[in-house]
Amino acid sequence: MTRTQVYLPPGHHRALRREARERGISLTELVRRLVADHVEARGGLPAVGKEAVLAFVALGHGGRADVSERHDEALDEALRAGAVR
């Protein structure tokens, strides 16, 4: 995850804190969920192209011994790091 700082008007901040408290989650988690809902409503995140996935397979030894068990995490890590283009 990437840390992001957001400035909110006091009324919005209070309303979000109240809603988070009512849901039994942190303010941070509430904001994450609201952002995720917004992104999904606008069509979601762009799909990763076939070439990027196939390039990941061809990366060779990446230093991780558990790639076969945790391939989703390894792929996400490689895509975020820009190792796959």
PDB file of N, CA and C in Angstrom:
ATOM      1  N   MET A   1       0.836  -1.186   0.000  1.00  0.00           N
ATOM      2  CA  MET A   1       0.000   0.000   0.000  1.00  0.00           C
ATOM      3  C   MET A   1       0.876   1.243   0.000  1.00  0.00           C
ATOM      4  N   THR A   2       0.308   2.297  -0.487  1.00  0.00           N
ATOM      5  CA  THR A   2       0.995   3.581  -0.543  1.00  0.00           C
ATOM      6  C   THR A   2       0.341   4.532   0.448  1.00  0.00           C
ATOM      7  N   ARG A   3       1.157   5.177   1.242  1.00  0.00           N
ATOM      8  CA  ARG A   3       0.634   6.136   2.209  1.00  0.00           C
ATOM      9  C   ARG A   3       0.270   7.425   1.491  1.00  0.00           C
ATOM     10  N   THR A   4      -0.927   7.938   1.812  1.00  0.00           N
ATOM     11  CA  THR A   4      -1.412   9.172   1.203  1.00  0.00           C
ATOM     12  C   THR A   4      -2.001  10.061   2.283  1.00  0.00           C
ATOM     13  N   GLN A   5      -1.695  11.322   2.236  1.00  0.00           N
ATOM     14  CA  GLN A   5      -2.245  12.272   3.199  1.00  0.00           C
ATOM     15  C   GLN A   5      -3.330  13.090   2.512  1.00  0.00           C
ATOM     16  N   VAL A   6      -4.477  13.208   3.170  1.00  0.00           N
ATOM     17  CA  VAL A   6      -5.614  13.922   2.599  1.00  0.00           C
ATOM     18  C   VAL A   6      -6.112  14.937   3.621  1.00  0.00           C
ATOM     19  N   TYR A   7      -6.365  16.150   3.174  1.00  0.00           N
ATOM     20  CA  TYR A   7      -6.930  17.185   4.029  1.00  0.00           C
ATOM     21  C   TYR A   7      -8.432  17.247   3.784  1.00  0.00           C
ATOM     22  N   LEU A   8      -9.219  17.176   4.854  1.00  0.00           N
ATOM     23  CA  LEU A   8     -10.671  17.196   4.760  1.00  0.00           C
ATOM     24  C   LEU A   8     -11.231  18.369   5.556  1.00  0.00           C
ATOM     25  N   PRO A   9     -12.347  18.913   5.107  1.00  0.00           N
ATOM     26  CA  PRO A   9     -13.025  19.918   5.931  1.00  0.00           C
ATOM     27  C   PRO A   9     -13.433  19.266   7.259  1.00  0.00           C
ATOM     28  N   PRO A  10     -13.420  20.019   8.352  1.00  0.00           N
ATOM     29  CA  PRO A  10     -13.737  19.442   9.663  1.00  0.00           C
ATOM     30  C   PRO A  10     -15.060  18.671   9.709  1.00  0.00           C
ATOM     31  N   GLY A  11     -16.090  19.173   9.056  1.00  0.00           N
ATOM     32  CA  GLY A  11     -17.378  18.482   9.064  1.00  0.00           C
ATOM     33  C   GLY A  11     -17.319  17.118   8.394  1.00  0.00           C
ATOM     34  N   HIS A  12     -16.599  17.040   7.283  1.00  0.00           N
ATOM     35  CA  HIS A  12     -16.446  15.759   6.591  1.00  0.00           C
ATOM     36  C   HIS A  12     -15.656  14.786   7.460  1.00  0.00           C
ATOM     37  N   HIS A  13     -14.602  15.284   8.078  1.00  0.00           N
ATOM     38  CA  HIS A  13     -13.775  14.435   8.936  1.00  0.00           C
ATOM     39  C   HIS A  13     -14.603  13.867  10.087  1.00  0.00           C
ATOM     40  N   ARG A  14     -15.391  14.716  10.725  1.00  0.00           N
ATOM     41  CA  ARG A  14     -16.246  14.245  11.835  1.00  0.00           C
ATOM     42  C   ARG A  14     -17.242  13.196  11.353  1.00  0.00           C
ATOM     43  N   ALA A  15     -17.862  13.461  10.205  1.00  0.00           N
ATOM     44  CA  ALA A  15     -18.859  12.521   9.677  1.00  0.00           C
ATOM     45  C   ALA A  15     -18.219  11.168   9.353  1.00  0.00           C
ATOM     46  N   LEU A  16     -17.037  11.187   8.767  1.00  0.00           N
ATOM     47  CA  LEU A  16     -16.355   9.936   8.442  1.00  0.00           C
ATOM     48  C   LEU A  16     -15.919   9.197   9.701  1.00  0.00           C
ATOM     49  N   ARG A  17     -15.407   9.925  10.681  1.00  0.00           N
ATOM     50  CA  ARG A  17     -15.032   9.282  11.951  1.00  0.00           C
ATOM     51  C   ARG A  17     -16.243   8.640  12.610  1.00  0.00           C
ATOM     52  N   ARG A  18     -17.371   9.334  12.585  1.00  0.00           N
ATOM     53  CA  ARG A  18     -18.604   8.798  13.176  1.00  0.00           C
ATOM     54  C   ARG A  18     -19.027   7.520  12.449  1.00  0.00           C
ATOM     55  N   GLU A  19     -19.012   7.567  11.110  1.00  0.00           N
ATOM     56  CA  GLU A  19     -19.404   6.383  10.332  1.00  0.00           C
ATOM     57  C   GLU A  19     -18.456   5.215  10.589  1.00  0.00           C
ATOM     58  N   ALA A  20     -17.165   5.476  10.640  1.00  0.00           N
ATOM     59  CA  ALA A  20     -16.188   4.412  10.920  1.00  0.00           C
ATOM     60  C   ALA A  20     -16.453   3.794  12.289  1.00  0.00           C
ATOM     61  N   ARG A  21     -16.717   4.637  13.265  1.00  0.00           N
ATOM     62  CA  ARG A  21     -17.001   4.149  14.617  1.00  0.00           C
ATOM     63  C   ARG A  21     -18.260   3.282  14.613  1.00  0.00           C
ATOM     64  N   GLU A  22     -19.306   3.724  13.904  1.00  0.00           N
ATOM     65  CA  GLU A  22     -20.551   2.956  13.823  1.00  0.00           C
ATOM     66  C   GLU A  22     -20.344   1.601  13.156  1.00  0.00           C
ATOM     67  N   ARG A  23     -19.452   1.548  12.168  1.00  0.00           N
ATOM     68  CA  ARG A  23     -19.169   0.295  11.464  1.00  0.00           C
ATOM     69  C   ARG A  23     -18.180  -0.581  12.217  1.00  0.00           C
ATOM     70  N   GLY A  24     -17.519  -0.003  13.208  1.00  0.00           N
ATOM     71  CA  GLY A  24     -16.529  -0.751  13.968  1.00  0.00           C
ATOM     72  C   GLY A  24     -15.219  -0.947  13.222  1.00  0.00           C
ATOM     73  N   ILE A  25     -14.870   0.029  12.357  1.00  0.00           N
ATOM     74  CA  ILE A  25     -13.620  -0.031  11.601  1.00  0.00           C
ATOM     75  C   ILE A  25     -12.869   1.284  11.789  1.00  0.00           C
ATOM     76  N   SER A  26     -11.626   1.291  11.371  1.00  0.00           N
ATOM     77  CA  SER A  26     -10.837   2.516  11.480  1.00  0.00           C
ATOM     78  C   SER A  26     -11.252   3.502  10.391  1.00  0.00           C
ATOM     79  N   LEU A  27     -10.925   4.761  10.613  1.00  0.00           N
ATOM     80  CA  LEU A  27     -11.163   5.788   9.609  1.00  0.00           C
ATOM     81  C   LEU A  27     -10.402   5.439   8.328  1.00  0.00           C
ATOM     82  N   THR A  28      -9.186   4.954   8.475  1.00  0.00           N
ATOM     83  CA  THR A  28      -8.376   4.566   7.324  1.00  0.00           C
ATOM     84  C   THR A  28      -9.067   3.480   6.504  1.00  0.00           C
ATOM     85  N   GLU A  29      -9.593   2.463   7.184  1.00  0.00           N
ATOM     86  CA  GLU A  29     -10.280   1.382   6.468  1.00  0.00           C
ATOM     87  C   GLU A  29     -11.529   1.896   5.765  1.00  0.00           C
ATOM     88  N   LEU A  30     -12.255   2.783   6.401  1.00  0.00           N
ATOM     89  CA  LEU A  30     -13.440   3.361   5.770  1.00  0.00           C
ATOM     90  C   LEU A  30     -13.050   4.109   4.494  1.00  0.00           C
ATOM     91  N   VAL A  31     -12.002   4.911   4.555  1.00  0.00           N
ATOM     92  CA  VAL A  31     -11.558   5.664   3.378  1.00  0.00           C
ATOM     93  C   VAL A  31     -11.117   4.702   2.280  1.00  0.00           C
ATOM     94  N   ARG A  32     -10.390   3.627   2.635  1.00  0.00           N
ATOM     95  CA  ARG A  32      -9.992   2.629   1.636  1.00  0.00           C
ATOM     96  C   ARG A  32     -11.215   2.046   0.937  1.00  0.00           C
ATOM     97  N   ARG A  33     -12.230   1.698   1.719  1.00  0.00           N
ATOM     98  CA  ARG A  33     -13.444   1.102   1.146  1.00  0.00           C
ATOM     99  C   ARG A  33     -14.177   2.091   0.249  1.00  0.00           C
ATOM    100  N   LEU A  34     -14.242   3.347   0.674  1.00  0.00           N
ATOM    101  CA  LEU A  34     -14.905   4.355  -0.145  1.00  0.00           C
ATOM    102  C   LEU A  34     -14.163   4.565  -1.471  1.00  0.00           C
ATOM    103  N   VAL A  35     -12.844   4.584  -1.413  1.00  0.00           N
ATOM    104  CA  VAL A  35     -12.055   4.735  -2.636  1.00  0.00           C
ATOM    105  C   VAL A  35     -12.240   3.518  -3.533  1.00  0.00           C
ATOM    106  N   ALA A  36     -12.206   2.318  -2.958  1.00  0.00           N
ATOM    107  CA  ALA A  36     -12.406   1.095  -3.744  1.00  0.00           C
ATOM    108  C   ALA A  36     -13.775   1.100  -4.413  1.00  0.00           C
ATOM    109  N   ASP A  37     -14.815   1.496  -3.669  1.00  0.00           N
ATOM    110  CA  ASP A  37     -16.161   1.577  -4.249  1.00  0.00           C
ATOM    111  C   ASP A  37     -16.187   2.564  -5.415  1.00  0.00           C
ATOM    112  N   HIS A  38     -15.532   3.706  -5.244  1.00  0.00           N
ATOM    113  CA  HIS A  38     -15.483   4.730  -6.296  1.00  0.00           C
ATOM    114  C   HIS A  38     -14.780   4.192  -7.543  1.00  0.00           C
ATOM    115  N   VAL A  39     -13.628   3.556  -7.346  1.00  0.00           N
ATOM    116  CA  VAL A  39     -12.866   3.030  -8.479  1.00  0.00           C
ATOM    117  C   VAL A  39     -13.679   1.954  -9.205  1.00  0.00           C
ATOM    118  N   GLU A  40     -14.308   1.065  -8.465  1.00  0.00           N
ATOM    119  CA  GLU A  40     -15.126   0.011  -9.080  1.00  0.00           C
ATOM    120  C   GLU A  40     -16.304   0.599  -9.850  1.00  0.00           C
ATOM    121  N   ALA A  41     -16.942   1.629  -9.294  1.00  0.00           N
ATOM    122  CA  ALA A  41     -18.082   2.259  -9.951  1.00  0.00           C
ATOM    123  C   ALA A  41     -17.676   2.910 -11.274  1.00  0.00           C
ATOM    124  N   ARG A  42     -16.413   3.293 -11.384  1.00  0.00           N
ATOM    125  CA  ARG A  42     -15.923   3.942 -12.616  1.00  0.00           C
ATOM    126  C   ARG A  42     -15.271   2.945 -13.560  1.00  0.00           C
ATOM    127  N   GLY A  43     -15.510   1.674 -13.344  1.00  0.00           N
ATOM    128  CA  GLY A  43     -15.000   0.664 -14.277  1.00  0.00           C
ATOM    129  C   GLY A  43     -13.824  -0.140 -13.774  1.00  0.00           C
ATOM    130  N   GLY A  44     -13.406   0.088 -12.547  1.00  0.00           N
ATOM    131  CA  GLY A  44     -12.315  -0.701 -11.982  1.00  0.00           C
ATOM    132  C   GLY A  44     -10.946  -0.282 -12.460  1.00  0.00           C
ATOM    133  N   LEU A  45      -9.973  -1.054 -12.031  1.00  0.00           N
ATOM    134  CA  LEU A  45      -8.590  -0.803 -12.418  1.00  0.00           C
ATOM    135  C   LEU A  45      -8.346  -1.392 -13.800  1.00  0.00           C
ATOM    136  N   PRO A  46      -7.442  -0.808 -14.560  1.00  0.00           N
ATOM    137  CA  PRO A  46      -7.164  -1.361 -15.881  1.00  0.00           C
ATOM    138  C   PRO A  46      -6.605  -2.778 -15.766  1.00  0.00           C
ATOM    139  N   ALA A  47      -6.988  -3.617 -16.693  1.00  0.00           N
ATOM    140  CA  ALA A  47      -6.512  -5.001 -16.695  1.00  0.00           C
ATOM    141  C   ALA A  47      -5.039  -5.046 -17.070  1.00  0.00           C
ATOM    142  N   VAL A  48      -4.346  -6.019 -16.516  1.00  0.00           N
ATOM    143  CA  VAL A  48      -2.944  -6.241 -16.866  1.00  0.00           C
ATOM    144  C   VAL A  48      -2.921  -7.020 -18.171  1.00  0.00           C
ATOM    145  N   GLY A  49      -2.139  -6.567 -19.107  1.00  0.00           N
ATOM    146  CA  GLY A  49      -2.073  -7.212 -20.415  1.00  0.00           C
ATOM    147  C   GLY A  49      -1.409  -8.577 -20.378  1.00  0.00           C
ATOM    148  N   LYS A  50      -1.752  -9.394 -21.354  1.00  0.00           N
ATOM    149  CA  LYS A  50      -1.206 -10.744 -21.469  1.00  0.00           C
ATOM    150  C   LYS A  50       0.321 -10.707 -21.548  1.00  0.00           C
ATOM    151  N   GLU A  51       0.855  -9.733 -22.271  1.00  0.00           N
ATOM    152  CA  GLU A  51       2.307  -9.627 -22.421  1.00  0.00           C
ATOM    153  C   GLU A  51       2.994  -9.415 -21.069  1.00  0.00           C
ATOM    154  N   ALA A  52       2.370  -8.619 -20.204  1.00  0.00           N
ATOM    155  CA  ALA A  52       2.959  -8.363 -18.886  1.00  0.00           C
ATOM    156  C   ALA A  52       3.002  -9.631 -18.052  1.00  0.00           C
ATOM    157  N   VAL A  53       1.939 -10.408 -18.117  1.00  0.00           N
ATOM    158  CA  VAL A  53       1.901 -11.652 -17.346  1.00  0.00           C
ATOM    159  C   VAL A  53       2.931 -12.630 -17.892  1.00  0.00           C
ATOM    160  N   LEU A  54       3.010 -12.749 -19.207  1.00  0.00           N
ATOM    161  CA  LEU A  54       3.984 -13.673 -19.796  1.00  0.00           C
ATOM    162  C   LEU A  54       5.417 -13.209 -19.527  1.00  0.00           C
ATOM    163  N   ALA A  55       5.650 -11.906 -19.513  1.00  0.00           N
ATOM    164  CA  ALA A  55       6.984 -11.393 -19.201  1.00  0.00           C
ATOM    165  C   ALA A  55       7.372 -11.728 -17.774  1.00  0.00           C
ATOM    166  N   PHE A  56       6.396 -11.730 -16.876  1.00  0.00           N
ATOM    167  CA  PHE A  56       6.657 -12.086 -15.482  1.00  0.00           C
ATOM    168  C   PHE A  56       7.172 -13.518 -15.391  1.00  0.00           C
ATOM    169  N   VAL A  57       6.564 -14.402 -16.163  1.00  0.00           N
ATOM    170  CA  VAL A  57       6.969 -15.806 -16.154  1.00  0.00           C
ATOM    171  C   VAL A  57       8.421 -15.919 -16.595  1.00  0.00           C
ATOM    172  N   ALA A  58       8.856 -15.044 -17.489  1.00  0.00           N
ATOM    173  CA  ALA A  58      10.206 -15.120 -18.039  1.00  0.00           C
ATOM    174  C   ALA A  58      11.235 -14.327 -17.236  1.00  0.00           C
ATOM    175  N   LEU A  59      10.879 -13.847 -16.075  1.00  0.00           N
ATOM    176  CA  LEU A  59      11.826 -13.038 -15.288  1.00  0.00           C
ATOM    177  C   LEU A  59      13.018 -13.841 -14.805  1.00  0.00           C
ATOM    178  N   GLY A  60      12.843 -15.142 -14.649  1.00  0.00           N
ATOM    179  CA  GLY A  60      13.942 -15.957 -14.159  1.00  0.00           C
ATOM    180  C   GLY A  60      13.975 -15.950 -12.652  1.00  0.00           C
ATOM    181  N   HIS A  61      15.127 -16.230 -12.082  1.00  0.00           N
ATOM    182  CA  HIS A  61      15.269 -16.324 -10.628  1.00  0.00           C
ATOM    183  C   HIS A  61      15.098 -14.949 -10.002  1.00  0.00           C
ATOM    184  N   GLY A  62      14.108 -14.839  -9.145  1.00  0.00           N
ATOM    185  CA  GLY A  62      13.829 -13.554  -8.528  1.00  0.00           C
ATOM    186  C   GLY A  62      14.208 -13.477  -7.071  1.00  0.00           C
ATOM    187  N   GLY A  63      14.819 -14.518  -6.553  1.00  0.00           N
ATOM    188  CA  GLY A  63      15.242 -14.491  -5.163  1.00  0.00           C
ATOM    189  C   GLY A  63      14.208 -15.004  -4.184  1.00  0.00           C
ATOM    190  N   ARG A  64      13.032 -15.337  -4.671  1.00  0.00           N
ATOM    191  CA  ARG A  64      11.979 -15.852  -3.790  1.00  0.00           C
ATOM    192  C   ARG A  64      11.871 -17.355  -3.989  1.00  0.00           C
ATOM    193  N   ALA A  65      11.941 -18.095  -2.905  1.00  0.00           N
ATOM    194  CA  ALA A  65      11.830 -19.551  -2.986  1.00  0.00           C
ATOM    195  C   ALA A  65      10.388 -20.014  -2.973  1.00  0.00           C
ATOM    196  N   ASP A  66       9.448 -19.136  -2.621  1.00  0.00           N
ATOM    197  CA  ASP A  66       8.052 -19.552  -2.431  1.00  0.00           C
ATOM    198  C   ASP A  66       7.131 -19.086  -3.560  1.00  0.00           C
ATOM    199  N   VAL A  67       7.683 -18.779  -4.723  1.00  0.00           N
ATOM    200  CA  VAL A  67       6.869 -18.230  -5.808  1.00  0.00           C
ATOM    201  C   VAL A  67       5.777 -19.205  -6.224  1.00  0.00           C
ATOM    202  N   SER A  68       6.054 -20.492  -6.218  1.00  0.00           N
ATOM    203  CA  SER A  68       5.023 -21.439  -6.652  1.00  0.00           C
ATOM    204  C   SER A  68       3.823 -21.431  -5.717  1.00  0.00           C
ATOM    205  N   GLU A  69       4.032 -21.172  -4.444  1.00  0.00           N
ATOM    206  CA  GLU A  69       2.910 -21.106  -3.500  1.00  0.00           C
ATOM    207  C   GLU A  69       2.286 -19.720  -3.428  1.00  0.00           C
ATOM    208  N   ARG A  70       3.073 -18.678  -3.651  1.00  0.00           N
ATOM    209  CA  ARG A  70       2.589 -17.310  -3.466  1.00  0.00           C
ATOM    210  C   ARG A  70       2.757 -16.500  -4.750  1.00  0.00           C
ATOM    211  N   HIS A  71       2.421 -17.105  -5.882  1.00  0.00           N
ATOM    212  CA  HIS A  71       2.636 -16.467  -7.176  1.00  0.00           C
ATOM    213  C   HIS A  71       1.840 -15.183  -7.349  1.00  0.00           C
ATOM    214  N   ASP A  72       0.625 -15.103  -6.770  1.00  0.00           N
ATOM    215  CA  ASP A  72      -0.156 -13.869  -6.898  1.00  0.00           C
ATOM    216  C   ASP A  72       0.566 -12.695  -6.252  1.00  0.00           C
ATOM    217  N   GLU A  73       1.120 -12.928  -5.063  1.00  0.00           N
ATOM    218  CA  GLU A  73       1.849 -11.862  -4.373  1.00  0.00           C
ATOM    219  C   GLU A  73       3.115 -11.484  -5.140  1.00  0.00           C
ATOM    220  N   ALA A  74       3.813 -12.487  -5.673  1.00  0.00           N
ATOM    221  CA  ALA A  74       5.043 -12.214  -6.421  1.00  0.00           C
ATOM    222  C   ALA A  74       4.747 -11.420  -7.690  1.00  0.00           C
ATOM    223  N   LEU A  75       3.652 -11.772  -8.377  1.00  0.00           N
ATOM    224  CA  LEU A  75       3.273 -11.038  -9.582  1.00  0.00           C
ATOM    225  C   LEU A  75       2.904  -9.603  -9.248  1.00  0.00           C
ATOM    226  N   ASP A  76       2.112  -9.420  -8.193  1.00  0.00           N
ATOM    227  CA  ASP A  76       1.732  -8.076  -7.771  1.00  0.00           C
ATOM    228  C   ASP A  76       2.976  -7.251  -7.426  1.00  0.00           C
ATOM    229  N   GLU A  77       3.896  -7.862  -6.712  1.00  0.00           N
ATOM    230  CA  GLU A  77       5.144  -7.190  -6.321  1.00  0.00           C
ATOM    231  C   GLU A  77       5.929  -6.762  -7.559  1.00  0.00           C
ATOM    232  N   ALA A  78       6.029  -7.650  -8.536  1.00  0.00           N
ATOM    233  CA  ALA A  78       6.794  -7.345  -9.749  1.00  0.00           C
ATOM    234  C   ALA A  78       6.125  -6.241 -10.553  1.00  0.00           C
ATOM    235  N   LEU A  79       4.796  -6.292 -10.654  1.00  0.00           N
ATOM    236  CA  LEU A  79       4.084  -5.256 -11.408  1.00  0.00           C
ATOM    237  C   LEU A  79       4.219  -3.898 -10.741  1.00  0.00           C
ATOM    238  N   ARG A  80       4.077  -3.856  -9.420  1.00  0.00           N
ATOM    239  CA  ARG A  80       4.195  -2.590  -8.697  1.00  0.00           C
ATOM    240  C   ARG A  80       5.602  -2.016  -8.772  1.00  0.00           C
ATOM    241  N   ALA A  81       6.607  -2.880  -8.801  1.00  0.00           N
ATOM    242  CA  ALA A  81       7.991  -2.425  -8.849  1.00  0.00           C
ATOM    243  C   ALA A  81       8.416  -2.010 -10.253  1.00  0.00           C
ATOM    244  N   GLY A  82       7.560  -2.267 -11.227  1.00  0.00           N
ATOM    245  CA  GLY A  82       7.894  -1.910 -12.593  1.00  0.00           C
ATOM    246  C   GLY A  82       8.819  -2.907 -13.258  1.00  0.00           C
ATOM    247  N   ALA A  83       8.975  -4.091 -12.645  1.00  0.00           N
ATOM    248  CA  ALA A  83       9.850  -5.115 -13.229  1.00  0.00           C
ATOM    249  C   ALA A  83       9.240  -5.715 -14.475  1.00  0.00           C
ATOM    250  N   VAL A  84       7.932  -5.571 -14.606  1.00  0.00           N
ATOM    251  CA  VAL A  84       7.229  -6.090 -15.773  1.00  0.00           C
ATOM    252  C   VAL A  84       6.642  -4.903 -16.512  1.00  0.00           C
ATOM    253  N   ARG A  85       6.923  -4.795 -17.793  1.00  0.00           N
ATOM    254  CA  ARG A  85       6.393  -3.685 -18.603  1.00  0.00           C
ATOM    255  C   ARG A  85       5.783  -4.215 -19.876  1.00  0.00           C
TER     256      ARG A  85
END
